[in-house]
Amino acid sequence: MGCRARLLALNLVHRRVAEGLTSNEELLDEHLEQYRQVRAKLRQVVALLRLNGPDALVEAALRVREAERALRATRFTCDDGGRFNADVPPQAVLDAAHALEAVTHEFAATARKLA
């Protein structure tokens, strides 16, 4: 699972805890630790690209990193209208997730052009 999926899972667990549907703090901690591991890998890749990559790819990678940070900022966002829905994250979370997906596709397209 990548950063996007881990953050969506983390947000879901947080919303379940906020609604009182679960009080499993261990599950929240487990998702948080998994996210931290994936995020560390993303930071490493971006750092390596900054050292050795072409400027266009570095810029695309930094946009992915910024979008990941924006999605990270929504990890504790609760449900719109106060109604829990496990199938649909809050709109702010969805918007940030879609933005991350879009810049990830842009990064891949840039990498293909440079290959």
PDB file of N, CA and C in Angstrom:
ATOM      1  N   MET A   1       0.841  -1.176   0.000  1.00  0.00           N
ATOM      2  CA  MET A   1       0.000   0.000   0.000  1.00  0.00           C
ATOM      3  C   MET A   1       0.884   1.237   0.000  1.00  0.00           C
ATOM      4  N   GLY A   2       0.515   2.225  -0.787  1.00  0.00           N
ATOM      5  CA  GLY A   2       1.258   3.469  -0.848  1.00  0.00           C
ATOM      6  C   GLY A   2       0.758   4.487   0.161  1.00  0.00           C
ATOM      7  N   CYS A   3       1.328   5.675   0.101  1.00  0.00           N
ATOM      8  CA  CYS A   3       0.959   6.751   1.034  1.00  0.00           C
ATOM      9  C   CYS A   3      -0.531   7.069   0.972  1.00  0.00           C
ATOM     10  N   ARG A   4      -1.044   7.171  -0.241  1.00  0.00           N
ATOM     11  CA  ARG A   4      -2.458   7.519  -0.416  1.00  0.00           C
ATOM     12  C   ARG A   4      -3.350   6.507   0.292  1.00  0.00           C
ATOM     13  N   ALA A   5      -3.131   5.224   0.018  1.00  0.00           N
ATOM     14  CA  ALA A   5      -3.954   4.177   0.622  1.00  0.00           C
ATOM     15  C   ALA A   5      -3.782   4.138   2.135  1.00  0.00           C
ATOM     16  N   ARG A   6      -2.555   4.294   2.603  1.00  0.00           N
ATOM     17  CA  ARG A   6      -2.311   4.286   4.050  1.00  0.00           C
ATOM     18  C   ARG A   6      -2.997   5.458   4.738  1.00  0.00           C
ATOM     19  N   LEU A   7      -2.960   6.629   4.107  1.00  0.00           N
ATOM     20  CA  LEU A   7      -3.610   7.798   4.719  1.00  0.00           C
ATOM     21  C   LEU A   7      -5.129   7.653   4.712  1.00  0.00           C
ATOM     22  N   LEU A   8      -5.679   7.092   3.661  1.00  0.00           N
ATOM     23  CA  LEU A   8      -7.125   6.864   3.636  1.00  0.00           C
ATOM     24  C   LEU A   8      -7.524   5.865   4.720  1.00  0.00           C
ATOM     25  N   ALA A   9      -6.729   4.812   4.901  1.00  0.00           N
ATOM     26  CA  ALA A   9      -7.008   3.837   5.959  1.00  0.00           C
ATOM     27  C   ALA A   9      -6.878   4.474   7.338  1.00  0.00           C
ATOM     28  N   LEU A  10      -5.864   5.308   7.517  1.00  0.00           N
ATOM     29  CA  LEU A  10      -5.667   5.999   8.789  1.00  0.00           C
ATOM     30  C   LEU A  10      -6.841   6.923   9.088  1.00  0.00           C
ATOM     31  N   ASN A  11      -7.306   7.633   8.072  1.00  0.00           N
ATOM     32  CA  ASN A  11      -8.456   8.518   8.259  1.00  0.00           C
ATOM     33  C   ASN A  11      -9.701   7.720   8.633  1.00  0.00           C
ATOM     34  N   LEU A  12      -9.910   6.577   7.992  1.00  0.00           N
ATOM     35  CA  LEU A  12     -11.074   5.741   8.300  1.00  0.00           C
ATOM     36  C   LEU A  12     -11.034   5.276   9.750  1.00  0.00           C
ATOM     37  N   VAL A  13      -9.886   4.805  10.206  1.00  0.00           N
ATOM     38  CA  VAL A  13      -9.773   4.354  11.596  1.00  0.00           C
ATOM     39  C   VAL A  13     -10.021   5.521  12.540  1.00  0.00           C
ATOM     40  N   HIS A  14      -9.460   6.687  12.236  1.00  0.00           N
ATOM     41  CA  HIS A  14      -9.678   7.855  13.086  1.00  0.00           C
ATOM     42  C   HIS A  14     -11.165   8.203  13.160  1.00  0.00           C
ATOM     43  N   ARG A  15     -11.840   8.179  12.020  1.00  0.00           N
ATOM     44  CA  ARG A  15     -13.272   8.510  12.020  1.00  0.00           C
ATOM     45  C   ARG A  15     -14.079   7.482  12.790  1.00  0.00           C
ATOM     46  N   ARG A  16     -13.691   6.206  12.714  1.00  0.00           N
ATOM     47  CA  ARG A  16     -14.377   5.162  13.482  1.00  0.00           C
ATOM     48  C   ARG A  16     -14.199   5.388  14.987  1.00  0.00           C
ATOM     49  N   VAL A  17     -12.991   5.767  15.393  1.00  0.00           N
ATOM     50  CA  VAL A  17     -12.737   6.064  16.799  1.00  0.00           C
ATOM     51  C   VAL A  17     -13.542   7.286  17.225  1.00  0.00           C
ATOM     52  N   ALA A  18     -13.557   8.337  16.395  1.00  0.00           N
ATOM     53  CA  ALA A  18     -14.290   9.566  16.716  1.00  0.00           C
ATOM     54  C   ALA A  18     -15.784   9.309  16.856  1.00  0.00           C
ATOM     55  N   GLU A  19     -16.320   8.372  16.095  1.00  0.00           N
ATOM     56  CA  GLU A  19     -17.746   8.045  16.162  1.00  0.00           C
ATOM     57  C   GLU A  19     -18.067   7.067  17.289  1.00  0.00           C
ATOM     58  N   GLY A  20     -17.035   6.570  17.957  1.00  0.00           N
ATOM     59  CA  GLY A  20     -17.264   5.601  19.021  1.00  0.00           C
ATOM     60  C   GLY A  20     -17.543   4.201  18.501  1.00  0.00           C
ATOM     61  N   LEU A  21     -17.263   3.963  17.222  1.00  0.00           N
ATOM     62  CA  LEU A  21     -17.509   2.648  16.639  1.00  0.00           C
ATOM     63  C   LEU A  21     -16.419   1.654  16.995  1.00  0.00           C
ATOM     64  N   THR A  22     -15.275   2.174  17.387  1.00  0.00           N
ATOM     65  CA  THR A  22     -14.175   1.337  17.870  1.00  0.00           C
ATOM     66  C   THR A  22     -13.342   2.173  18.822  1.00  0.00           C
ATOM     67  N   SER A  23     -12.739   1.513  19.758  1.00  0.00           N
ATOM     68  CA  SER A  23     -11.844   2.228  20.672  1.00  0.00           C
ATOM     69  C   SER A  23     -10.460   1.605  20.605  1.00  0.00           C
ATOM     70  N   ASN A  24     -10.193   0.930  19.506  1.00  0.00           N
ATOM     71  CA  ASN A  24      -8.959   0.189  19.351  1.00  0.00           C
ATOM     72  C   ASN A  24      -7.817   1.137  18.991  1.00  0.00           C
ATOM     73  N   GLU A  25      -7.154   1.655  20.008  1.00  0.00           N
ATOM     74  CA  GLU A  25      -6.023   2.555  19.797  1.00  0.00           C
ATOM     75  C   GLU A  25      -4.848   1.826  19.153  1.00  0.00           C
ATOM     76  N   GLU A  26      -4.739   0.530  19.416  1.00  0.00           N
ATOM     77  CA  GLU A  26      -3.657  -0.241  18.807  1.00  0.00           C
ATOM     78  C   GLU A  26      -3.789  -0.266  17.288  1.00  0.00           C
ATOM     79  N   LEU A  27      -5.015  -0.376  16.794  1.00  0.00           N
ATOM     80  CA  LEU A  27      -5.250  -0.365  15.352  1.00  0.00           C
ATOM     81  C   LEU A  27      -4.848   0.982  14.763  1.00  0.00           C
ATOM     82  N   LEU A  28      -5.189   2.051  15.441  1.00  0.00           N
ATOM     83  CA  LEU A  28      -4.807   3.383  14.995  1.00  0.00           C
ATOM     84  C   LEU A  28      -3.287   3.514  14.977  1.00  0.00           C
ATOM     85  N   ASP A  29      -2.636   3.045  16.034  1.00  0.00           N
ATOM     86  CA  ASP A  29      -1.169   3.093  16.097  1.00  0.00           C
ATOM     87  C   ASP A  29      -0.537   2.246  14.994  1.00  0.00           C
ATOM     88  N   GLU A  30      -1.132   1.095  14.705  1.00  0.00           N
ATOM     89  CA  GLU A  30      -0.604   0.215  13.659  1.00  0.00           C
ATOM     90  C   GLU A  30      -0.677   0.894  12.291  1.00  0.00           C
ATOM     91  N   HIS A  31      -1.821   1.499  11.991  1.00  0.00           N
ATOM     92  CA  HIS A  31      -1.964   2.209  10.714  1.00  0.00           C
ATOM     93  C   HIS A  31      -1.003   3.397  10.638  1.00  0.00           C
ATOM     94  N   LEU A  32      -0.839   4.087  11.744  1.00  0.00           N
ATOM     95  CA  LEU A  32       0.067   5.232  11.765  1.00  0.00           C
ATOM     96  C   LEU A  32       1.512   4.786  11.514  1.00  0.00           C
ATOM     97  N   GLU A  33       1.912   3.698  12.123  1.00  0.00           N
ATOM     98  CA  GLU A  33       3.277   3.196  11.921  1.00  0.00           C
ATOM     99  C   GLU A  33       3.483   2.740  10.479  1.00  0.00           C
ATOM    100  N   GLN A  34       2.512   2.065   9.896  1.00  0.00           N
ATOM    101  CA  GLN A  34       2.624   1.638   8.499  1.00  0.00           C
ATOM    102  C   GLN A  34       2.731   2.848   7.577  1.00  0.00           C
ATOM    103  N   TYR A  35       1.945   3.870   7.859  1.00  0.00           N
ATOM    104  CA  TYR A  35       2.013   5.098   7.060  1.00  0.00           C
ATOM    105  C   TYR A  35       3.389   5.742   7.183  1.00  0.00           C
ATOM    106  N   ARG A  36       3.910   5.800   8.391  1.00  0.00           N
ATOM    107  CA  ARG A  36       5.233   6.413   8.604  1.00  0.00           C
ATOM    108  C   ARG A  36       6.321   5.688   7.807  1.00  0.00           C
ATOM    109  N   GLN A  37       6.230   4.375   7.730  1.00  0.00           N
ATOM    110  CA  GLN A  37       7.198   3.607   6.953  1.00  0.00           C
ATOM    111  C   GLN A  37       7.117   3.929   5.462  1.00  0.00           C
ATOM    112  N   VAL A  38       5.911   3.990   4.942  1.00  0.00           N
ATOM    113  CA  VAL A  38       5.721   4.306   3.526  1.00  0.00           C
ATOM    114  C   VAL A  38       6.167   5.737   3.249  1.00  0.00           C
ATOM    115  N   ARG A  39       5.842   6.641   4.152  1.00  0.00           N
ATOM    116  CA  ARG A  39       6.226   8.041   3.983  1.00  0.00           C
ATOM    117  C   ARG A  39       7.746   8.203   3.999  1.00  0.00           C
ATOM    118  N   ALA A  40       8.418   7.442   4.833  1.00  0.00           N
ATOM    119  CA  ALA A  40       9.885   7.488   4.876  1.00  0.00           C
ATOM    120  C   ALA A  40      10.475   7.040   3.541  1.00  0.00           C
ATOM    121  N   LYS A  41       9.878   6.026   2.935  1.00  0.00           N
ATOM    122  CA  LYS A  41      10.342   5.567   1.621  1.00  0.00           C
ATOM    123  C   LYS A  41      10.151   6.646   0.569  1.00  0.00           C
ATOM    124  N   LEU A  42       9.018   7.331   0.624  1.00  0.00           N
ATOM    125  CA  LEU A  42       8.768   8.427  -0.323  1.00  0.00           C
ATOM    126  C   LEU A  42       9.812   9.518  -0.156  1.00  0.00           C
ATOM    127  N   ARG A  43      10.112   9.885   1.080  1.00  0.00           N
ATOM    128  CA  ARG A  43      11.132  10.907   1.328  1.00  0.00           C
ATOM    129  C   ARG A  43      12.493  10.474   0.793  1.00  0.00           C
ATOM    130  N   GLN A  44      12.819   9.195   0.955  1.00  0.00           N
ATOM    131  CA  GLN A  44      14.099   8.690   0.459  1.00  0.00           C
ATOM    132  C   GLN A  44      14.179   8.780  -1.061  1.00  0.00           C
ATOM    133  N   VAL A  45      13.107   8.404  -1.729  1.00  0.00           N
ATOM    134  CA  VAL A  45      13.085   8.468  -3.195  1.00  0.00           C
ATOM    135  C   VAL A  45      13.248   9.906  -3.665  1.00  0.00           C
ATOM    136  N   VAL A  46      12.522  10.820  -3.032  1.00  0.00           N
ATOM    137  CA  VAL A  46      12.629  12.231  -3.417  1.00  0.00           C
ATOM    138  C   VAL A  46      14.052  12.736  -3.170  1.00  0.00           C
ATOM    139  N   ALA A  47      14.642  12.342  -2.057  1.00  0.00           N
ATOM    140  CA  ALA A  47      16.011  12.775  -1.761  1.00  0.00           C
ATOM    141  C   ALA A  47      16.997  12.241  -2.798  1.00  0.00           C
ATOM    142  N   LEU A  48      16.850  10.995  -3.183  1.00  0.00           N
ATOM    143  CA  LEU A  48      17.735  10.422  -4.205  1.00  0.00           C
ATOM    144  C   LEU A  48      17.571  11.131  -5.546  1.00  0.00           C
ATOM    145  N   LEU A  49      16.344  11.428  -5.896  1.00  0.00           N
ATOM    146  CA  LEU A  49      16.109  12.156  -7.148  1.00  0.00           C
ATOM    147  C   LEU A  49      16.725  13.554  -7.088  1.00  0.00           C
ATOM    148  N   ARG A  50      16.641  14.191  -5.943  1.00  0.00           N
ATOM    149  CA  ARG A  50      17.243  15.523  -5.810  1.00  0.00           C
ATOM    150  C   ARG A  50      18.756  15.471  -5.989  1.00  0.00           C
ATOM    151  N   LEU A  51      19.360  14.380  -5.575  1.00  0.00           N
ATOM    152  CA  LEU A  51      20.804  14.231  -5.718  1.00  0.00           C
ATOM    153  C   LEU A  51      21.226  13.920  -7.151  1.00  0.00           C
ATOM    154  N   ASN A  52      20.463  13.071  -7.822  1.00  0.00           N
ATOM    155  CA  ASN A  52      20.917  12.527  -9.103  1.00  0.00           C
ATOM    156  C   ASN A  52      19.962  12.714 -10.280  1.00  0.00           C
ATOM    157  N   GLY A  53      18.752  13.116 -10.019  1.00  0.00           N
ATOM    158  CA  GLY A  53      17.753  13.110 -11.087  1.00  0.00           C
ATOM    159  C   GLY A  53      17.749  14.359 -11.935  1.00  0.00           C
ATOM    160  N   PRO A  54      17.158  14.233 -13.109  1.00  0.00           N
ATOM    161  CA  PRO A  54      16.978  15.416 -13.949  1.00  0.00           C
ATOM    162  C   PRO A  54      16.010  16.406 -13.283  1.00  0.00           C
ATOM    163  N   ASP A  55      16.193  17.683 -13.553  1.00  0.00           N
ATOM    164  CA  ASP A  55      15.404  18.726 -12.897  1.00  0.00           C
ATOM    165  C   ASP A  55      13.895  18.521 -13.064  1.00  0.00           C
ATOM    166  N   ALA A  56      13.471  18.127 -14.259  1.00  0.00           N
ATOM    167  CA  ALA A  56      12.035  17.938 -14.503  1.00  0.00           C
ATOM    168  C   ALA A  56      11.468  16.843 -13.594  1.00  0.00           C
ATOM    169  N   LEU A  57      12.219  15.779 -13.405  1.00  0.00           N
ATOM    170  CA  LEU A  57      11.767  14.680 -12.550  1.00  0.00           C
ATOM    171  C   LEU A  57      11.795  15.086 -11.079  1.00  0.00           C
ATOM    172  N   VAL A  58      12.792  15.853 -10.698  1.00  0.00           N
ATOM    173  CA  VAL A  58      12.869  16.347  -9.314  1.00  0.00           C
ATOM    174  C   VAL A  58      11.667  17.234  -9.017  1.00  0.00           C
ATOM    175  N   GLU A  59      11.345  18.141  -9.929  1.00  0.00           N
ATOM    176  CA  GLU A  59      10.192  19.024  -9.732  1.00  0.00           C
ATOM    177  C   GLU A  59       8.894  18.228  -9.626  1.00  0.00           C
ATOM    178  N   ALA A  60       8.742  17.205 -10.466  1.00  0.00           N
ATOM    179  CA  ALA A  60       7.546  16.361 -10.405  1.00  0.00           C
ATOM    180  C   ALA A  60       7.489  15.598  -9.087  1.00  0.00           C
ATOM    181  N   ALA A  61       8.632  15.115  -8.614  1.00  0.00           N
ATOM    182  CA  ALA A  61       8.682  14.397  -7.337  1.00  0.00           C
ATOM    183  C   ALA A  61       8.340  15.321  -6.172  1.00  0.00           C
ATOM    184  N   LEU A  62       8.801  16.552  -6.237  1.00  0.00           N
ATOM    185  CA  LEU A  62       8.477  17.505  -5.171  1.00  0.00           C
ATOM    186  C   LEU A  62       6.985  17.832  -5.155  1.00  0.00           C
ATOM    187  N   ARG A  63       6.359  17.855  -6.325  1.00  0.00           N
ATOM    188  CA  ARG A  63       4.902  18.066  -6.378  1.00  0.00           C
ATOM    189  C   ARG A  63       4.166  16.884  -5.744  1.00  0.00           C
ATOM    190  N   VAL A  64       4.677  15.674  -5.966  1.00  0.00           N
ATOM    191  CA  VAL A  64       4.080  14.499  -5.314  1.00  0.00           C
ATOM    192  C   VAL A  64       4.226  14.628  -3.805  1.00  0.00           C
ATOM    193  N   ARG A  65       5.376  15.031  -3.360  1.00  0.00           N
ATOM    194  CA  ARG A  65       5.631  15.190  -1.918  1.00  0.00           C
ATOM    195  C   ARG A  65       4.706  16.241  -1.308  1.00  0.00           C
ATOM    196  N   GLU A  66       4.514  17.349  -2.005  1.00  0.00           N
ATOM    197  CA  GLU A  66       3.601  18.391  -1.508  1.00  0.00           C
ATOM    198  C   GLU A  66       2.160  17.890  -1.451  1.00  0.00           C
ATOM    199  N   ALA A  67       1.745  17.146  -2.461  1.00  0.00           N
ATOM    200  CA  ALA A  67       0.384  16.599  -2.467  1.00  0.00           C
ATOM    201  C   ALA A  67       0.207  15.583  -1.344  1.00  0.00           C
ATOM    202  N   GLU A  68       1.256  14.818  -1.068  1.00  0.00           N
ATOM    203  CA  GLU A  68       1.195  13.866   0.045  1.00  0.00           C
ATOM    204  C   GLU A  68       1.056  14.615   1.360  1.00  0.00           C
ATOM    205  N   ARG A  69       1.759  15.713   1.495  1.00  0.00           N
ATOM    206  CA  ARG A  69       1.645  16.526   2.719  1.00  0.00           C
ATOM    207  C   ARG A  69       0.228  17.094   2.864  1.00  0.00           C
ATOM    208  N   ALA A  70      -0.361  17.516   1.756  1.00  0.00           N
ATOM    209  CA  ALA A  70      -1.727  18.052   1.801  1.00  0.00           C
ATOM    210  C   ALA A  70      -2.708  16.959   2.224  1.00  0.00           C
ATOM    211  N   LEU A  71      -2.525  15.756   1.706  1.00  0.00           N
ATOM    212  CA  LEU A  71      -3.393  14.650   2.116  1.00  0.00           C
ATOM    213  C   LEU A  71      -3.147  14.302   3.578  1.00  0.00           C
ATOM    214  N   ARG A  72      -1.898  14.336   3.989  1.00  0.00           N
ATOM    215  CA  ARG A  72      -1.558  14.054   5.393  1.00  0.00           C
ATOM    216  C   ARG A  72      -2.282  15.024   6.333  1.00  0.00           C
ATOM    217  N   ALA A  73      -2.412  16.260   5.913  1.00  0.00           N
ATOM    218  CA  ALA A  73      -3.080  17.269   6.748  1.00  0.00           C
ATOM    219  C   ALA A  73      -4.557  16.946   6.979  1.00  0.00           C
ATOM    220  N   THR A  74      -5.126  16.069   6.158  1.00  0.00           N
ATOM    221  CA  THR A  74      -6.543  15.723   6.308  1.00  0.00           C
ATOM    222  C   THR A  74      -6.761  14.443   7.102  1.00  0.00           C
ATOM    223  N   ARG A  75      -5.696  13.833   7.607  1.00  0.00           N
ATOM    224  CA  ARG A  75      -5.825  12.507   8.205  1.00  0.00           C
ATOM    225  C   ARG A  75      -6.771  12.456   9.397  1.00  0.00           C
ATOM    226  N   PHE A  76      -6.971  13.569  10.088  1.00  0.00           N
ATOM    227  CA  PHE A  76      -7.882  13.579  11.228  1.00  0.00           C
ATOM    228  C   PHE A  76      -9.195  14.292  10.927  1.00  0.00           C
ATOM    229  N   THR A  77      -9.466  14.513   9.654  1.00  0.00           N
ATOM    230  CA  THR A  77     -10.713  15.156   9.244  1.00  0.00           C
ATOM    231  C   THR A  77     -11.872  14.209   9.504  1.00  0.00           C
ATOM    232  N   CYS A  78     -12.930  14.733  10.119  1.00  0.00           N
ATOM    233  CA  CYS A  78     -14.110  13.910  10.404  1.00  0.00           C
ATOM    234  C   CYS A  78     -15.134  14.051   9.289  1.00  0.00           C
ATOM    235  N   ASP A  79     -16.168  13.260   9.378  1.00  0.00           N
ATOM    236  CA  ASP A  79     -17.163  13.169   8.319  1.00  0.00           C
ATOM    237  C   ASP A  79     -17.925  14.462   8.108  1.00  0.00           C
ATOM    238  N   ASP A  80     -18.267  14.706   6.840  1.00  0.00           N
ATOM    239  CA  ASP A  80     -19.089  15.855   6.480  1.00  0.00           C
ATOM    240  C   ASP A  80     -20.486  15.655   7.061  1.00  0.00           C
ATOM    241  N   GLY A  81     -21.022  16.686   7.661  1.00  0.00           N
ATOM    242  CA  GLY A  81     -22.370  16.609   8.197  1.00  0.00           C
ATOM    243  C   GLY A  81     -22.512  15.735   9.431  1.00  0.00           C
ATOM    244  N   GLY A  82     -21.382  15.286   9.971  1.00  0.00           N
ATOM    245  CA  GLY A  82     -21.435  14.524  11.206  1.00  0.00           C
ATOM    246  C   GLY A  82     -21.922  13.091  11.065  1.00  0.00           C
ATOM    247  N   ARG A  83     -22.154  12.625   9.842  1.00  0.00           N
ATOM    248  CA  ARG A  83     -22.618  11.250   9.655  1.00  0.00           C
ATOM    249  C   ARG A  83     -21.469  10.377   9.163  1.00  0.00           C
ATOM    250  N   PHE A  84     -21.191   9.308   9.911  1.00  0.00           N
ATOM    251  CA  PHE A  84     -20.118   8.403   9.539  1.00  0.00           C
ATOM    252  C   PHE A  84     -20.526   7.566   8.336  1.00  0.00           C
ATOM    253  N   ASN A  85     -19.626   7.491   7.353  1.00  0.00           N
ATOM    254  CA  ASN A  85     -19.837   6.649   6.189  1.00  0.00           C
ATOM    255  C   ASN A  85     -18.490   6.018   5.845  1.00  0.00           C
ATOM    256  N   ALA A  86     -18.364   4.721   6.128  1.00  0.00           N
ATOM    257  CA  ALA A  86     -17.088   4.028   5.905  1.00  0.00           C
ATOM    258  C   ALA A  86     -16.708   3.987   4.430  1.00  0.00           C
ATOM    259  N   ASP A  87     -17.701   4.076   3.548  1.00  0.00           N
ATOM    260  CA  ASP A  87     -17.436   3.957   2.112  1.00  0.00           C
ATOM    261  C   ASP A  87     -17.018   5.266   1.454  1.00  0.00           C
ATOM    262  N   VAL A  88     -17.336   6.382   2.077  1.00  0.00           N
ATOM    263  CA  VAL A  88     -17.046   7.675   1.461  1.00  0.00           C
ATOM    264  C   VAL A  88     -16.322   8.572   2.471  1.00  0.00           C
ATOM    265  N   PRO A  89     -15.041   8.835   2.228  1.00  0.00           N
ATOM    266  CA  PRO A  89     -14.317   9.753   3.115  1.00  0.00           C
ATOM    267  C   PRO A  89     -14.881  11.175   2.996  1.00  0.00           C
ATOM    268  N   PRO A  90     -14.562  12.030   3.952  1.00  0.00           N
ATOM    269  CA  PRO A  90     -14.980  13.437   3.851  1.00  0.00           C
ATOM    270  C   PRO A  90     -14.444  14.064   2.558  1.00  0.00           C
ATOM    271  N   GLN A  91     -15.145  15.067   2.068  1.00  0.00           N
ATOM    272  CA  GLN A  91     -14.787  15.690   0.787  1.00  0.00           C
ATOM    273  C   GLN A  91     -13.366  16.240   0.781  1.00  0.00           C
ATOM    274  N   ALA A  92     -12.928  16.825   1.881  1.00  0.00           N
ATOM    275  CA  ALA A  92     -11.554  17.351   1.941  1.00  0.00           C
ATOM    276  C   ALA A  92     -10.529  16.248   1.746  1.00  0.00           C
ATOM    277  N   VAL A  93     -10.798  15.082   2.308  1.00  0.00           N
ATOM    278  CA  VAL A  93      -9.904  13.943   2.169  1.00  0.00           C
ATOM    279  C   VAL A  93      -9.918  13.449   0.722  1.00  0.00           C
ATOM    280  N   LEU A  94     -11.120  13.344   0.153  1.00  0.00           N
ATOM    281  CA  LEU A  94     -11.232  12.914  -1.247  1.00  0.00           C
ATOM    282  C   LEU A  94     -10.506  13.859  -2.192  1.00  0.00           C
ATOM    283  N   ASP A  95     -10.695  15.147  -1.986  1.00  0.00           N
ATOM    284  CA  ASP A  95     -10.043  16.138  -2.855  1.00  0.00           C
ATOM    285  C   ASP A  95      -8.522  16.015  -2.785  1.00  0.00           C
ATOM    286  N   ALA A  96      -7.997  15.875  -1.574  1.00  0.00           N
ATOM    287  CA  ALA A  96      -6.552  15.749  -1.412  1.00  0.00           C
ATOM    288  C   ALA A  96      -6.046  14.427  -1.988  1.00  0.00           C
ATOM    289  N   ALA A  97      -6.816  13.357  -1.840  1.00  0.00           N
ATOM    290  CA  ALA A  97      -6.425  12.056  -2.389  1.00  0.00           C
ATOM    291  C   ALA A  97      -6.398  12.100  -3.914  1.00  0.00           C
ATOM    292  N   HIS A  98      -7.402  12.743  -4.512  1.00  0.00           N
ATOM    293  CA  HIS A  98      -7.435  12.869  -5.977  1.00  0.00           C
ATOM    294  C   HIS A  98      -6.275  13.733  -6.471  1.00  0.00           C
ATOM    295  N   ALA A  99      -5.949  14.776  -5.740  1.00  0.00           N
ATOM    296  CA  ALA A  99      -4.828  15.641  -6.128  1.00  0.00           C
ATOM    297  C   ALA A  99      -3.514  14.858  -6.080  1.00  0.00           C
ATOM    298  N   LEU A 100      -3.335  14.036  -5.044  1.00  0.00           N
ATOM    299  CA  LEU A 100      -2.129  13.219  -4.950  1.00  0.00           C
ATOM    300  C   LEU A 100      -2.061  12.229  -6.106  1.00  0.00           C
ATOM    301  N   GLU A 101      -3.168  11.630  -6.422  1.00  0.00           N
ATOM    302  CA  GLU A 101      -3.202  10.682  -7.541  1.00  0.00           C
ATOM    303  C   GLU A 101      -2.845  11.375  -8.856  1.00  0.00           C
ATOM    304  N   ALA A 102      -3.373  12.580  -9.051  1.00  0.00           N
ATOM    305  CA  ALA A 102      -3.101  13.313 -10.291  1.00  0.00           C
ATOM    306  C   ALA A 102      -1.617  13.656 -10.437  1.00  0.00           C
ATOM    307  N   VAL A 103      -0.992  14.146  -9.368  1.00  0.00           N
ATOM    308  CA  VAL A 103       0.426  14.496  -9.486  1.00  0.00           C
ATOM    309  C   VAL A 103       1.301  13.253  -9.576  1.00  0.00           C
ATOM    310  N   THR A 104       0.835  12.144  -9.024  1.00  0.00           N
ATOM    311  CA  THR A 104       1.576  10.886  -9.177  1.00  0.00           C
ATOM    312  C   THR A 104       1.571  10.453 -10.639  1.00  0.00           C
ATOM    313  N   HIS A 105       0.425  10.610 -11.299  1.00  0.00           N
ATOM    314  CA  HIS A 105       0.344  10.301 -12.732  1.00  0.00           C
ATOM    315  C   HIS A 105       1.234  11.245 -13.542  1.00  0.00           C
ATOM    316  N   GLU A 106       1.253  12.515 -13.156  1.00  0.00           N
ATOM    317  CA  GLU A 106       2.122  13.479 -13.841  1.00  0.00           C
ATOM    318  C   GLU A 106       3.601  13.090 -13.663  1.00  0.00           C
ATOM    319  N   PHE A 107       3.953  12.657 -12.459  1.00  0.00           N
ATOM    320  CA  PHE A 107       5.325  12.211 -12.194  1.00  0.00           C
ATOM    321  C   PHE A 107       5.676  11.034 -13.106  1.00  0.00           C
ATOM    322  N   ALA A 108       4.772  10.068 -13.193  1.00  0.00           N
ATOM    323  CA  ALA A 108       5.024   8.888 -14.032  1.00  0.00           C
ATOM    324  C   ALA A 108       5.162   9.294 -15.496  1.00  0.00           C
ATOM    325  N   ALA A 109       4.325  10.218 -15.957  1.00  0.00           N
ATOM    326  CA  ALA A 109       4.402  10.669 -17.347  1.00  0.00           C
ATOM    327  C   ALA A 109       5.745  11.381 -17.604  1.00  0.00           C
ATOM    328  N   THR A 110       6.177  12.173 -16.654  1.00  0.00           N
ATOM    329  CA  THR A 110       7.475  12.860 -16.784  1.00  0.00           C
ATOM    330  C   THR A 110       8.608  11.835 -16.840  1.00  0.00           C
ATOM    331  N   ALA A 111       8.540  10.830 -15.991  1.00  0.00           N
ATOM    332  CA  ALA A 111       9.573   9.800 -15.973  1.00  0.00           C
ATOM    333  C   ALA A 111       9.614   9.043 -17.310  1.00  0.00           C
ATOM    334  N   ARG A 112       8.436   8.747 -17.863  1.00  0.00           N
ATOM    335  CA  ARG A 112       8.396   8.052 -19.147  1.00  0.00           C
ATOM    336  C   ARG A 112       9.012   8.904 -20.262  1.00  0.00           C
ATOM    337  N   LYS A 113       8.737  10.193 -20.226  1.00  0.00           N
ATOM    338  CA  LYS A 113       9.292  11.090 -21.257  1.00  0.00           C
ATOM    339  C   LYS A 113      10.816  11.129 -21.186  1.00  0.00           C
ATOM    340  N   LEU A 114      11.339  11.052 -19.995  1.00  0.00           N
ATOM    341  CA  LEU A 114      12.786  11.145 -19.798  1.00  0.00           C
ATOM    342  C   LEU A 114      13.519   9.819 -19.969  1.00  0.00           C
ATOM    343  N   ALA A 115      12.765   8.735 -20.019  1.00  0.00           N
ATOM    344  CA  ALA A 115      13.392   7.405 -20.136  1.00  0.00           C
ATOM    345  C   ALA A 115      13.955   7.167 -21.527  1.00  0.00           C
TER     346      ALA A 115
END
